Amino acid sequence: MNVKPLGERVLIKVKAAEEKTSGGLIIPQASQEKTQEGTVTAIGESDKIAVKVGDNVMYDKYAGTSFKINGEDYLIIKSEEILAVIG
């Protein structure tokens, strides 16, 4: 499936939640927090978008609309909901 965001929206592949703590304890899936990081996979056609495909980004916790493509989590958000580029 090919998804192309419109306007000032960005498609992000959501980073998988950590399944272990730094101490090695396994975190049950029901207790895992929603991640706020991901990789930009597509951008809309607006010139106002400050990120590019391949950037690792941090975004608002409750931003956008989430969905799955081939079992992987994706998110479409407005570009202004991106808080930082992680380098």
Protein backbone atom coordinates (compact mmCIF):
# COMPACT_ATOMS: atom_id res chain seq x y z
CA MET A 1 0.00 0.00 0.00
CA ASN A 2 1.33 3.46 -0.91
CA VAL A 3 0.31 6.36 1.36
CA LYS A 4 1.02 9.98 0.34
CA PRO A 5 0.19 12.67 2.95
CA LEU A 6 -1.57 15.79 1.68
CA GLY A 7 -0.85 19.43 2.52
CA GLU A 8 1.36 20.01 5.55
CA ARG A 9 1.06 16.45 6.85
CA VAL A 10 3.83 13.92 7.44
CA LEU A 11 3.74 10.10 7.45
CA ILE A 12 5.81 8.60 10.27
CA LYS A 13 6.74 4.97 10.90
CA VAL A 14 6.36 4.65 14.67
CA LYS A 15 9.33 3.30 16.61
CA ALA A 16 8.49 0.10 18.45
CA ALA A 17 8.04 0.43 22.23
CA GLU A 18 10.82 -0.86 24.45
CA GLU A 19 10.04 -4.35 25.73
CA LYS A 20 12.74 -4.39 28.42
CA THR A 21 13.89 -1.89 31.01
CA SER A 22 17.54 -0.84 31.22
CA GLY A 23 17.83 -3.35 34.09
CA GLY A 24 16.59 -6.22 31.91
CA LEU A 25 13.03 -6.55 33.23
CA ILE A 26 10.43 -7.43 30.60
CA ILE A 27 7.58 -4.91 30.31
CA PRO A 28 4.17 -6.47 29.52
CA GLN A 29 2.61 -5.09 26.33
CA ALA A 30 -0.40 -3.73 28.25
CA SER A 31 1.94 -1.61 30.41
CA GLN A 32 4.10 -0.22 27.61
CA GLU A 33 3.79 3.50 27.00
CA LYS A 34 3.01 4.87 23.57
CA THR A 35 6.26 5.97 21.93
CA GLN A 36 6.77 9.52 20.71
CA GLU A 37 9.51 8.75 18.20
CA GLY A 38 9.55 7.57 14.64
CA THR A 39 11.03 7.88 11.15
CA VAL A 40 9.58 10.14 8.46
CA THR A 41 8.60 7.95 5.48
CA ALA A 42 6.69 10.50 3.34
CA ILE A 43 5.82 14.19 3.38
CA GLY A 44 3.08 16.34 1.85
CA GLU A 45 3.66 18.82 -0.93
CA SER A 46 3.88 21.96 1.24
CA ASP A 47 7.06 24.09 1.33
CA LYS A 48 6.48 24.74 5.05
CA ILE A 49 7.51 21.21 6.10
CA ALA A 50 10.88 21.39 7.90
CA VAL A 51 11.70 17.65 7.89
CA LYS A 52 12.69 15.28 5.12
CA VAL A 53 12.17 11.58 4.44
CA GLY A 54 14.48 9.50 6.63
CA ASP A 55 14.62 11.94 9.57
CA ASN A 56 14.13 10.48 13.05
CA VAL A 57 11.68 12.73 14.86
CA MET A 58 9.93 13.27 18.19
CA TYR A 59 6.25 14.30 18.11
CA ASP A 60 3.39 15.21 20.48
CA LYS A 61 2.13 12.25 22.50
CA TYR A 62 -1.47 12.42 21.26
CA ALA A 63 -0.77 13.78 17.77
CA GLY A 64 -2.22 12.56 14.51
CA THR A 65 -4.04 9.49 13.30
CA SER A 66 -2.47 6.06 13.73
CA PHE A 67 -3.01 3.03 11.50
CA LYS A 68 -1.25 -0.16 10.37
CA ILE A 69 0.25 -1.09 7.01
CA ASN A 70 1.40 -4.71 6.66
CA GLY A 71 1.40 -5.09 10.45
CA GLU A 72 3.60 -2.01 11.08
CA ASP A 73 2.41 1.09 12.98
CA TYR A 74 2.26 4.42 11.13
CA LEU A 75 1.05 7.88 12.04
CA ILE A 76 -0.08 10.82 9.91
CA ILE A 77 0.43 14.13 11.70
CA LYS A 78 0.53 17.83 10.90
CA SER A 79 4.09 19.04 10.45
CA GLU A 80 3.76 21.54 13.32
CA GLU A 81 3.17 18.62 15.74
CA ILE A 82 6.77 17.48 15.21
CA LEU A 83 8.76 18.70 18.21
CA ALA A 84 12.34 17.82 17.22
CA VAL A 85 14.59 16.02 14.78
CA ILE A 86 16.70 13.41 16.60
CA GLY A 87 20.21 13.11 15.21
